[in-house]
Amino acid sequence: RHAVIESLLERLGFRPKIRAVATWYAGVHFASTLEADWAATFDSLGISWSYEPVAVKLSTGELYRCDFWLRGIRCWCEVKGPHNLRIEKPRQLWVDLGADADDWRAPLVVICREPARGFAVVERADGAPVAIDECRRCRNFSFLDLDGPWQCRSCGFWEKRTGGVMPIPFIQTYRSASRKAVS
C-alpha cells in the first residue's frame, strides 16, 4: 500500500523535503551520512568498496554513477533513504548488465536501504530479496541473492540452505559537531 501511495505522489510531482548531509568517512567525502554509514558497514564486514568510481551510460542514454562498486563480489550498490526517487537508474543498470540472478559471477545491483532496528536492509534492484551473509568456506561476507543460487560471490561455494540468514548489524559513523565522521 505504501509503495502505491509513493508511486502516485512521485507521478504527481511530489518531492519530499529530504536534505542529505554531506559526511567525511575514511578520507572520502560522501554526499550523505547514509552513504558513509554503508561504507562503515562494508568496512566492518571486510568488504572492499569504491565510492562513485565511474559513470555508466545506460541503454536509455542517461549517465549514471552508482554509489558503490564492491569489486571483490562484483556488486553495484545504490543507497536509498526512505523513498524510491530516481530508482529507475539502478533498475536499468540491473537490466543492462543482464539481470542474471542464477549466475553468481554476473554483476549484481542492490539497493542499500536505511537500517531497520539497527540492522542492514538490502534488496536487489528489481525488488527481489537479498541478504548479506558470511560464506561457510572462505568466511567472506557478500550479498546473497535469495531468489538465485545460494552461492558465495567471493569463492563460488554453493550449498543448499533453507530458512533465513542472520541479520547484519548496521554501523553508523560518528558525527561530530562539525558533521565530519571519524574513521
N, C-alpha and C. Protein backbone atom coordinates (compact mmCIF):
# COMPACT_ATOMS: atom_id res chain seq x y z
N ARG A 1 0.82 -1.18 0.00
CA ARG A 1 0.00 0.00 0.00
C ARG A 1 0.87 1.25 0.00
N HIS A 2 1.94 1.23 0.81
CA HIS A 2 2.85 2.36 0.88
C HIS A 2 3.50 2.63 -0.47
N ALA A 3 3.90 1.59 -1.18
CA ALA A 3 4.54 1.74 -2.49
C ALA A 3 3.59 2.36 -3.50
N VAL A 4 2.32 2.01 -3.43
CA VAL A 4 1.33 2.57 -4.36
C VAL A 4 1.16 4.06 -4.11
N ILE A 5 1.06 4.45 -2.85
CA ILE A 5 0.92 5.86 -2.49
C ILE A 5 2.17 6.63 -2.92
N GLU A 6 3.34 6.06 -2.64
CA GLU A 6 4.60 6.71 -3.01
C GLU A 6 4.69 6.89 -4.52
N SER A 7 4.31 5.88 -5.28
CA SER A 7 4.34 5.95 -6.74
C SER A 7 3.41 7.05 -7.24
N LEU A 8 2.22 7.14 -6.67
CA LEU A 8 1.25 8.16 -7.06
C LEU A 8 1.79 9.55 -6.77
N LEU A 9 2.38 9.74 -5.59
CA LEU A 9 2.95 11.04 -5.23
C LEU A 9 4.09 11.43 -6.16
N GLU A 10 4.91 10.46 -6.55
CA GLU A 10 6.01 10.74 -7.47
C GLU A 10 5.48 11.17 -8.84
N ARG A 11 4.44 10.48 -9.34
CA ARG A 11 3.87 10.83 -10.63
C ARG A 11 3.23 12.22 -10.61
N LEU A 12 2.72 12.63 -9.44
CA LEU A 12 2.11 13.95 -9.32
C LEU A 12 3.16 15.04 -9.10
N GLY A 13 4.42 14.64 -9.04
CA GLY A 13 5.48 15.63 -8.90
C GLY A 13 5.87 15.95 -7.46
N PHE A 14 5.32 15.22 -6.50
CA PHE A 14 5.68 15.46 -5.10
C PHE A 14 7.11 15.03 -4.86
N ARG A 15 7.90 15.89 -4.30
CA ARG A 15 9.27 15.59 -3.93
C ARG A 15 9.42 15.85 -2.44
N PRO A 16 9.64 14.80 -1.67
CA PRO A 16 9.78 15.02 -0.23
C PRO A 16 10.99 15.90 0.06
N LYS A 17 10.90 16.67 1.12
CA LYS A 17 11.98 17.57 1.52
C LYS A 17 13.00 16.78 2.33
N ILE A 18 13.86 16.07 1.62
CA ILE A 18 14.91 15.30 2.25
C ILE A 18 16.22 15.99 1.94
N ARG A 19 16.91 16.39 2.97
CA ARG A 19 18.18 17.08 2.76
C ARG A 19 19.32 16.17 3.20
N ALA A 20 20.12 15.79 2.25
CA ALA A 20 21.28 14.96 2.57
C ALA A 20 22.32 15.81 3.28
N VAL A 21 22.96 15.22 4.26
CA VAL A 21 24.03 15.89 4.98
C VAL A 21 25.34 15.24 4.57
N ALA A 22 26.19 16.04 3.91
CA ALA A 22 27.48 15.53 3.46
C ALA A 22 28.31 15.12 4.67
N THR A 23 29.08 14.06 4.52
CA THR A 23 29.83 13.48 5.63
C THR A 23 31.17 12.95 5.14
N TRP A 24 32.19 13.11 5.97
CA TRP A 24 33.50 12.51 5.70
C TRP A 24 33.61 11.21 6.46
N TYR A 25 34.12 10.18 5.79
CA TYR A 25 34.41 8.90 6.45
C TYR A 25 35.55 8.26 5.68
N ALA A 26 36.51 7.74 6.38
CA ALA A 26 37.66 7.03 5.79
C ALA A 26 38.34 7.84 4.69
N GLY A 27 38.40 9.15 4.89
CA GLY A 27 39.06 10.02 3.92
C GLY A 27 38.27 10.31 2.67
N VAL A 28 37.01 9.92 2.65
CA VAL A 28 36.15 10.12 1.47
C VAL A 28 35.00 11.05 1.85
N HIS A 29 34.70 11.99 0.96
CA HIS A 29 33.58 12.90 1.18
C HIS A 29 32.32 12.30 0.56
N PHE A 30 31.38 11.89 1.39
CA PHE A 30 30.13 11.28 0.93
C PHE A 30 29.04 12.34 0.83
N ALA A 31 28.13 12.15 -0.11
CA ALA A 31 27.02 13.09 -0.29
C ALA A 31 26.02 13.02 0.86
N SER A 32 26.00 11.89 1.58
CA SER A 32 25.04 11.76 2.68
C SER A 32 25.63 10.90 3.80
N THR A 33 25.08 11.07 4.98
CA THR A 33 25.51 10.26 6.12
C THR A 33 25.13 8.80 5.90
N LEU A 34 24.01 8.54 5.23
CA LEU A 34 23.59 7.16 4.98
C LEU A 34 24.62 6.44 4.10
N GLU A 35 25.17 7.13 3.10
CA GLU A 35 26.21 6.53 2.28
C GLU A 35 27.46 6.24 3.11
N ALA A 36 27.85 7.18 3.96
CA ALA A 36 29.02 6.97 4.83
C ALA A 36 28.77 5.80 5.78
N ASP A 37 27.56 5.69 6.29
CA ASP A 37 27.22 4.58 7.18
C ASP A 37 27.31 3.25 6.46
N TRP A 38 26.90 3.21 5.19
CA TRP A 38 27.03 1.97 4.43
C TRP A 38 28.50 1.62 4.21
N ALA A 39 29.34 2.64 3.96
CA ALA A 39 30.78 2.39 3.82
C ALA A 39 31.33 1.81 5.12
N ALA A 40 30.92 2.35 6.26
CA ALA A 40 31.36 1.83 7.56
C ALA A 40 30.86 0.41 7.78
N THR A 41 29.66 0.12 7.33
CA THR A 41 29.11 -1.24 7.45
C THR A 41 29.92 -2.20 6.58
N PHE A 42 30.21 -1.79 5.33
CA PHE A 42 31.05 -2.63 4.46
C PHE A 42 32.42 -2.87 5.11
N ASP A 43 33.01 -1.82 5.68
CA ASP A 43 34.30 -1.97 6.36
C ASP A 43 34.23 -2.97 7.50
N SER A 44 33.15 -2.91 8.28
CA SER A 44 33.01 -3.82 9.42
C SER A 44 32.91 -5.28 8.98
N LEU A 45 32.47 -5.49 7.73
CA LEU A 45 32.33 -6.84 7.18
C LEU A 45 33.53 -7.27 6.35
N GLY A 46 34.50 -6.37 6.20
CA GLY A 46 35.67 -6.69 5.39
C GLY A 46 35.40 -6.65 3.89
N ILE A 47 34.37 -5.92 3.48
CA ILE A 47 34.02 -5.79 2.07
C ILE A 47 34.68 -4.52 1.53
N SER A 48 35.55 -4.69 0.54
CA SER A 48 36.25 -3.57 -0.08
C SER A 48 35.29 -2.81 -0.99
N TRP A 49 35.32 -1.47 -0.92
CA TRP A 49 34.40 -0.66 -1.69
C TRP A 49 35.10 0.50 -2.38
N SER A 50 34.50 0.98 -3.48
CA SER A 50 34.88 2.21 -4.15
C SER A 50 33.63 3.07 -4.22
N TYR A 51 33.78 4.34 -3.85
CA TYR A 51 32.64 5.26 -3.85
C TYR A 51 32.54 5.99 -5.18
N GLU A 52 31.40 5.87 -5.83
CA GLU A 52 31.10 6.51 -7.11
C GLU A 52 32.30 6.46 -8.06
N PRO A 53 32.77 5.25 -8.40
CA PRO A 53 34.02 5.14 -9.16
C PRO A 53 33.93 5.56 -10.63
N VAL A 54 32.81 5.29 -11.28
CA VAL A 54 32.68 5.61 -12.70
C VAL A 54 31.24 5.96 -13.04
N ALA A 55 31.09 6.70 -14.13
CA ALA A 55 29.76 6.96 -14.68
C ALA A 55 29.52 5.93 -15.78
N VAL A 56 28.36 5.33 -15.77
CA VAL A 56 27.99 4.31 -16.75
C VAL A 56 26.90 4.89 -17.65
N LYS A 57 27.04 4.67 -18.95
CA LYS A 57 25.98 5.11 -19.86
C LYS A 57 24.97 3.99 -19.97
N LEU A 58 23.75 4.27 -19.54
CA LEU A 58 22.68 3.28 -19.58
C LEU A 58 22.12 3.17 -21.00
N SER A 59 21.38 2.11 -21.26
CA SER A 59 20.78 1.91 -22.58
C SER A 59 19.77 3.00 -22.91
N THR A 60 19.30 3.72 -21.89
CA THR A 60 18.37 4.84 -22.10
C THR A 60 19.10 6.09 -22.58
N GLY A 61 20.45 6.04 -22.56
CA GLY A 61 21.25 7.20 -22.95
C GLY A 61 21.68 8.05 -21.77
N GLU A 62 21.09 7.81 -20.61
CA GLU A 62 21.43 8.58 -19.41
C GLU A 62 22.75 8.11 -18.81
N LEU A 63 23.48 9.05 -18.21
CA LEU A 63 24.67 8.69 -17.45
C LEU A 63 24.25 8.43 -16.02
N TYR A 64 24.86 7.43 -15.41
CA TYR A 64 24.50 7.04 -14.05
C TYR A 64 25.77 6.70 -13.28
N ARG A 65 25.89 7.27 -12.10
CA ARG A 65 27.02 7.00 -11.23
C ARG A 65 26.47 6.31 -9.98
N CYS A 66 26.62 5.01 -9.92
CA CYS A 66 26.15 4.22 -8.79
C CYS A 66 26.99 4.58 -7.55
N ASP A 67 26.41 4.49 -6.37
CA ASP A 67 27.10 4.91 -5.15
C ASP A 67 28.33 4.08 -4.83
N PHE A 68 28.24 2.76 -4.94
CA PHE A 68 29.36 1.90 -4.58
C PHE A 68 29.59 0.82 -5.63
N TRP A 69 30.85 0.47 -5.81
CA TRP A 69 31.24 -0.72 -6.55
C TRP A 69 32.02 -1.58 -5.57
N LEU A 70 31.55 -2.81 -5.36
CA LEU A 70 32.21 -3.77 -4.48
C LEU A 70 32.90 -4.79 -5.39
N ARG A 71 34.13 -4.48 -5.76
CA ARG A 71 34.83 -5.25 -6.79
C ARG A 71 34.97 -6.73 -6.43
N GLY A 72 35.35 -7.03 -5.21
CA GLY A 72 35.60 -8.41 -4.81
C GLY A 72 34.40 -9.33 -4.92
N ILE A 73 33.20 -8.73 -4.92
CA ILE A 73 31.98 -9.55 -5.04
C ILE A 73 31.11 -9.12 -6.22
N ARG A 74 31.69 -8.31 -7.12
CA ARG A 74 31.02 -7.89 -8.34
C ARG A 74 29.61 -7.36 -8.09
N CYS A 75 29.55 -6.33 -7.28
CA CYS A 75 28.23 -5.81 -6.89
C CYS A 75 28.20 -4.29 -6.93
N TRP A 76 27.20 -3.75 -7.61
CA TRP A 76 26.92 -2.32 -7.59
C TRP A 76 25.88 -2.07 -6.51
N CYS A 77 26.07 -1.02 -5.72
CA CYS A 77 25.14 -0.70 -4.62
C CYS A 77 24.68 0.74 -4.73
N GLU A 78 23.39 0.94 -4.77
CA GLU A 78 22.79 2.27 -4.74
C GLU A 78 22.17 2.46 -3.36
N VAL A 79 22.50 3.55 -2.70
CA VAL A 79 21.97 3.84 -1.37
C VAL A 79 20.72 4.70 -1.53
N LYS A 80 19.64 4.25 -0.93
CA LYS A 80 18.37 4.99 -0.96
C LYS A 80 17.85 5.17 0.45
N GLY A 81 17.33 6.33 0.72
CA GLY A 81 16.70 6.59 2.01
C GLY A 81 15.30 5.99 2.03
N PRO A 82 14.37 6.70 2.65
CA PRO A 82 13.02 6.16 2.80
C PRO A 82 12.14 6.42 1.57
N HIS A 83 12.73 6.39 0.40
CA HIS A 83 11.99 6.72 -0.83
C HIS A 83 12.54 5.90 -1.99
N ASN A 84 11.85 6.03 -3.11
CA ASN A 84 12.30 5.38 -4.34
C ASN A 84 12.53 6.39 -5.45
N LEU A 85 12.82 7.63 -5.08
CA LEU A 85 13.09 8.64 -6.09
C LEU A 85 14.31 8.23 -6.91
N ARG A 86 14.22 8.35 -8.20
CA ARG A 86 15.29 8.01 -9.14
C ARG A 86 15.72 6.54 -9.04
N ILE A 87 14.81 5.67 -8.63
CA ILE A 87 15.11 4.24 -8.52
C ILE A 87 15.25 3.58 -9.89
N GLU A 88 14.75 4.26 -10.93
CA GLU A 88 14.79 3.67 -12.27
C GLU A 88 16.22 3.47 -12.78
N LYS A 89 17.17 4.30 -12.33
CA LYS A 89 18.55 4.16 -12.82
C LYS A 89 19.21 2.87 -12.34
N PRO A 90 19.21 2.54 -11.04
CA PRO A 90 19.80 1.25 -10.67
C PRO A 90 19.02 0.07 -11.26
N ARG A 91 17.73 0.21 -11.41
CA ARG A 91 16.94 -0.87 -12.04
C ARG A 91 17.35 -1.05 -13.49
N GLN A 92 17.59 0.07 -14.19
CA GLN A 92 18.02 -0.02 -15.59
C GLN A 92 19.43 -0.61 -15.68
N LEU A 93 20.31 -0.26 -14.74
CA LEU A 93 21.65 -0.84 -14.73
C LEU A 93 21.56 -2.35 -14.58
N TRP A 94 20.70 -2.83 -13.70
CA TRP A 94 20.50 -4.27 -13.49
C TRP A 94 20.07 -4.94 -14.79
N VAL A 95 19.14 -4.32 -15.50
CA VAL A 95 18.69 -4.87 -16.78
C VAL A 95 19.82 -4.83 -17.81
N ASP A 96 20.52 -3.70 -17.90
CA ASP A 96 21.60 -3.55 -18.88
C ASP A 96 22.75 -4.53 -18.64
N LEU A 97 22.97 -4.92 -17.39
CA LEU A 97 24.04 -5.87 -17.07
C LEU A 97 23.62 -7.32 -17.31
N GLY A 98 22.38 -7.53 -17.68
CA GLY A 98 21.92 -8.88 -17.99
C GLY A 98 21.00 -9.48 -16.96
N ALA A 99 20.87 -8.85 -15.80
CA ALA A 99 19.92 -9.27 -14.76
C ALA A 99 19.89 -10.78 -14.58
N ASP A 100 21.04 -11.37 -14.30
CA ASP A 100 21.14 -12.82 -14.19
C ASP A 100 21.32 -13.25 -12.73
N ALA A 101 20.22 -13.53 -12.06
CA ALA A 101 20.27 -13.94 -10.66
C ALA A 101 20.81 -15.36 -10.50
N ASP A 102 20.88 -16.12 -11.57
CA ASP A 102 21.33 -17.50 -11.48
C ASP A 102 22.83 -17.68 -11.68
N ASP A 103 23.55 -16.62 -12.02
CA ASP A 103 25.00 -16.71 -12.22
C ASP A 103 25.70 -15.90 -11.14
N TRP A 104 26.34 -16.56 -10.20
CA TRP A 104 26.98 -15.88 -9.08
C TRP A 104 28.17 -15.04 -9.53
N ARG A 105 28.67 -15.26 -10.73
CA ARG A 105 29.79 -14.47 -11.26
C ARG A 105 29.31 -13.21 -11.97
N ALA A 106 28.03 -13.14 -12.32
CA ALA A 106 27.49 -11.97 -13.01
C ALA A 106 27.36 -10.81 -12.02
N PRO A 107 27.54 -9.58 -12.49
CA PRO A 107 27.38 -8.44 -11.59
C PRO A 107 25.96 -8.39 -11.01
N LEU A 108 25.89 -7.96 -9.80
CA LEU A 108 24.62 -7.82 -9.08
C LEU A 108 24.41 -6.34 -8.80
N VAL A 109 23.18 -5.87 -8.81
CA VAL A 109 22.86 -4.50 -8.45
C VAL A 109 21.88 -4.56 -7.29
N VAL A 110 22.27 -3.93 -6.18
CA VAL A 110 21.42 -3.94 -4.99
C VAL A 110 21.12 -2.52 -4.53
N ILE A 111 20.02 -2.41 -3.82
CA ILE A 111 19.63 -1.17 -3.18
C ILE A 111 19.91 -1.32 -1.68
N CYS A 112 20.70 -0.43 -1.15
CA CYS A 112 21.02 -0.43 0.28
C CYS A 112 20.10 0.60 0.93
N ARG A 113 19.29 0.14 1.84
CA ARG A 113 18.27 0.98 2.46
C ARG A 113 18.71 1.49 3.83
N GLU A 114 17.84 2.28 4.43
CA GLU A 114 18.05 2.70 5.82
C GLU A 114 17.95 1.47 6.70
N PRO A 115 18.66 1.47 7.81
CA PRO A 115 18.60 0.29 8.68
C PRO A 115 17.23 0.13 9.33
N ALA A 116 16.93 -1.09 9.70
CA ALA A 116 15.70 -1.39 10.45
C ALA A 116 16.13 -1.98 11.79
N ARG A 117 15.78 -1.32 12.85
CA ARG A 117 16.11 -1.76 14.22
C ARG A 117 17.60 -2.08 14.37
N GLY A 118 18.45 -1.26 13.70
CA GLY A 118 19.89 -1.41 13.83
C GLY A 118 20.53 -2.44 12.92
N PHE A 119 19.76 -2.99 11.98
CA PHE A 119 20.30 -4.00 11.07
C PHE A 119 20.23 -3.52 9.62
N ALA A 120 21.19 -4.01 8.82
CA ALA A 120 21.28 -3.64 7.40
C ALA A 120 20.07 -4.17 6.63
N VAL A 121 19.57 -3.37 5.70
CA VAL A 121 18.44 -3.75 4.86
C VAL A 121 18.86 -3.57 3.40
N VAL A 122 18.76 -4.65 2.62
CA VAL A 122 19.14 -4.61 1.21
C VAL A 122 18.09 -5.35 0.38
N GLU A 123 18.04 -5.00 -0.89
CA GLU A 123 17.18 -5.70 -1.85
C GLU A 123 17.84 -5.62 -3.21
N ARG A 124 17.50 -6.53 -4.08
CA ARG A 124 18.02 -6.47 -5.44
C ARG A 124 17.35 -5.29 -6.14
N ALA A 125 17.97 -4.75 -7.18
CA ALA A 125 17.45 -3.56 -7.86
C ALA A 125 16.02 -3.74 -8.35
N ASP A 126 15.64 -4.97 -8.66
CA ASP A 126 14.26 -5.19 -9.12
C ASP A 126 13.32 -5.51 -7.96
N GLY A 127 13.80 -5.36 -6.72
CA GLY A 127 12.96 -5.58 -5.55
C GLY A 127 13.01 -6.97 -4.97
N ALA A 128 13.70 -7.90 -5.63
CA ALA A 128 13.80 -9.28 -5.12
C ALA A 128 14.64 -9.30 -3.84
N PRO A 129 14.40 -10.30 -3.00
CA PRO A 129 15.09 -10.35 -1.71
C PRO A 129 16.58 -10.69 -1.82
N VAL A 130 17.37 -9.96 -1.07
CA VAL A 130 18.82 -10.15 -0.98
C VAL A 130 19.20 -10.05 0.49
N ALA A 131 20.23 -10.76 0.86
CA ALA A 131 20.74 -10.69 2.23
C ALA A 131 22.26 -10.58 2.18
N ILE A 132 22.84 -10.23 3.29
CA ILE A 132 24.28 -10.24 3.44
C ILE A 132 24.59 -11.41 4.36
N ASP A 133 25.53 -12.25 3.94
CA ASP A 133 25.83 -13.43 4.76
C ASP A 133 27.32 -13.76 4.65
N GLU A 134 27.80 -14.51 5.60
CA GLU A 134 29.19 -14.96 5.61
C GLU A 134 29.28 -16.36 5.00
N CYS A 135 30.22 -16.53 4.07
CA CYS A 135 30.42 -17.82 3.44
C CYS A 135 30.99 -18.81 4.46
N ARG A 136 30.45 -20.00 4.47
CA ARG A 136 30.92 -21.02 5.41
C ARG A 136 32.29 -21.58 5.03
N ARG A 137 32.71 -21.36 3.76
CA ARG A 137 34.01 -21.87 3.34
C ARG A 137 35.09 -20.80 3.44
N CYS A 138 34.94 -19.66 2.73
CA CYS A 138 36.00 -18.65 2.70
C CYS A 138 35.89 -17.60 3.81
N ARG A 139 34.76 -17.57 4.51
CA ARG A 139 34.50 -16.66 5.62
C ARG A 139 34.37 -15.20 5.20
N ASN A 140 34.24 -14.94 3.90
CA ASN A 140 34.00 -13.58 3.42
C ASN A 140 32.51 -13.29 3.44
N PHE A 141 32.18 -12.02 3.64
CA PHE A 141 30.79 -11.60 3.56
C PHE A 141 30.49 -11.15 2.15
N SER A 142 29.29 -11.45 1.68
CA SER A 142 28.86 -10.95 0.38
C SER A 142 27.34 -10.95 0.34
N PHE A 143 26.82 -10.38 -0.75
CA PHE A 143 25.38 -10.38 -0.94
C PHE A 143 24.95 -11.74 -1.43
N LEU A 144 23.85 -12.18 -0.92
CA LEU A 144 23.30 -13.47 -1.26
C LEU A 144 21.94 -13.24 -1.91
N ASP A 145 21.83 -13.58 -3.18
CA ASP A 145 20.58 -13.40 -3.91
C ASP A 145 19.65 -14.53 -3.51
N LEU A 146 18.63 -14.22 -2.74
CA LEU A 146 17.76 -15.25 -2.18
C LEU A 146 16.85 -15.90 -3.22
N ASP A 147 16.72 -15.28 -4.39
CA ASP A 147 15.93 -15.89 -5.47
C ASP A 147 16.79 -16.74 -6.39
N GLY A 148 18.10 -16.60 -6.30
CA GLY A 148 19.01 -17.36 -7.15
C GLY A 148 19.71 -18.43 -6.32
N PRO A 149 20.79 -18.98 -6.86
CA PRO A 149 21.53 -19.99 -6.09
C PRO A 149 22.20 -19.34 -4.88
N TRP A 150 22.25 -20.07 -3.80
CA TRP A 150 22.90 -19.56 -2.59
C TRP A 150 24.38 -19.83 -2.74
N GLN A 151 25.06 -18.95 -3.48
CA GLN A 151 26.48 -19.10 -3.73
C GLN A 151 27.23 -17.88 -3.24
N CYS A 152 28.40 -18.14 -2.70
CA CYS A 152 29.28 -17.06 -2.26
C CYS A 152 29.76 -16.31 -3.49
N ARG A 153 29.66 -15.01 -3.48
CA ARG A 153 30.10 -14.20 -4.61
C ARG A 153 31.61 -14.02 -4.61
N SER A 154 32.29 -14.46 -3.53
CA SER A 154 33.76 -14.40 -3.48
C SER A 154 34.39 -15.68 -4.02
N CYS A 155 33.95 -16.84 -3.51
CA CYS A 155 34.63 -18.09 -3.87
C CYS A 155 33.76 -19.06 -4.67
N GLY A 156 32.47 -18.79 -4.79
CA GLY A 156 31.60 -19.66 -5.57
C GLY A 156 31.04 -20.84 -4.80
N PHE A 157 31.38 -20.98 -3.52
CA PHE A 157 30.87 -22.09 -2.72
C PHE A 157 29.35 -22.08 -2.75
N TRP A 158 28.78 -23.26 -3.04
CA TRP A 158 27.33 -23.39 -3.11
C TRP A 158 26.87 -24.38 -2.06
N GLU A 159 25.76 -24.06 -1.45
CA GLU A 159 25.16 -25.02 -0.54
C GLU A 159 23.65 -24.88 -0.58
N LYS A 160 22.99 -25.99 -0.35
CA LYS A 160 21.54 -25.95 -0.27
C LYS A 160 21.19 -25.50 1.14
N ARG A 161 20.46 -24.42 1.22
CA ARG A 161 20.10 -23.88 2.53
C ARG A 161 18.62 -23.57 2.55
N THR A 162 18.07 -23.67 3.69
CA THR A 162 16.68 -23.28 3.87
C THR A 162 16.63 -22.33 5.05
N GLY A 163 15.58 -21.55 5.09
CA GLY A 163 15.44 -20.60 6.18
C GLY A 163 16.12 -19.28 5.87
N GLY A 164 16.15 -18.43 6.85
CA GLY A 164 16.70 -17.10 6.67
C GLY A 164 18.17 -17.03 7.02
N VAL A 165 18.68 -15.83 7.01
CA VAL A 165 20.06 -15.56 7.37
C VAL A 165 20.06 -14.66 8.60
N MET A 166 21.18 -14.66 9.29
CA MET A 166 21.29 -13.80 10.47
C MET A 166 21.33 -12.34 10.04
N PRO A 167 20.64 -11.46 10.77
CA PRO A 167 20.70 -10.03 10.41
C PRO A 167 22.11 -9.48 10.64
N ILE A 168 22.51 -8.55 9.81
CA ILE A 168 23.83 -7.93 9.87
C ILE A 168 23.71 -6.57 10.56
N PRO A 169 24.47 -6.34 11.62
CA PRO A 169 24.42 -5.03 12.29
C PRO A 169 24.82 -3.90 11.33
N PHE A 170 24.08 -2.82 11.38
CA PHE A 170 24.36 -1.64 10.57
C PHE A 170 25.22 -0.69 11.39
N ILE A 171 26.32 -0.23 10.81
CA ILE A 171 27.26 0.63 11.52
C ILE A 171 27.00 2.08 11.15
N GLN A 172 26.88 2.92 12.17
CA GLN A 172 26.73 4.35 11.91
C GLN A 172 28.05 5.05 12.23
N THR A 173 28.44 5.95 11.34
CA THR A 173 29.66 6.71 11.56
C THR A 173 29.43 7.71 12.68
N TYR A 174 30.50 8.02 13.36
CA TYR A 174 30.42 9.02 14.41
C TYR A 174 30.34 10.39 13.78
N ARG A 175 29.42 11.20 14.23
CA ARG A 175 29.27 12.55 13.70
C ARG A 175 29.61 13.56 14.79
N SER A 176 30.63 14.35 14.53
CA SER A 176 30.99 15.40 15.48
C SER A 176 30.13 16.61 15.21
N ALA A 177 30.33 17.64 15.99
CA ALA A 177 29.56 18.87 15.84
C ALA A 177 29.76 19.49 14.45
N SER A 178 30.93 19.25 13.86
CA SER A 178 31.20 19.79 12.51
C SER A 178 30.64 18.89 11.43
N ARG A 179 29.97 17.83 11.81
CA ARG A 179 29.35 16.87 10.88
C ARG A 179 30.38 16.09 10.09
N LYS A 180 31.57 15.97 10.59
CA LYS A 180 32.58 15.14 9.93
C LYS A 180 32.68 13.82 10.67
N ALA A 181 32.75 12.76 9.92
CA ALA A 181 32.86 11.43 10.52
C ALA A 181 34.31 11.14 10.84
N VAL A 182 34.51 10.40 11.88
CA VAL A 182 35.84 9.97 12.26
C VAL A 182 35.99 8.53 11.82
N SER A 183 37.04 8.24 11.06
CA SER A 183 37.20 6.87 10.58
C SER A 183 38.01 6.06 11.58
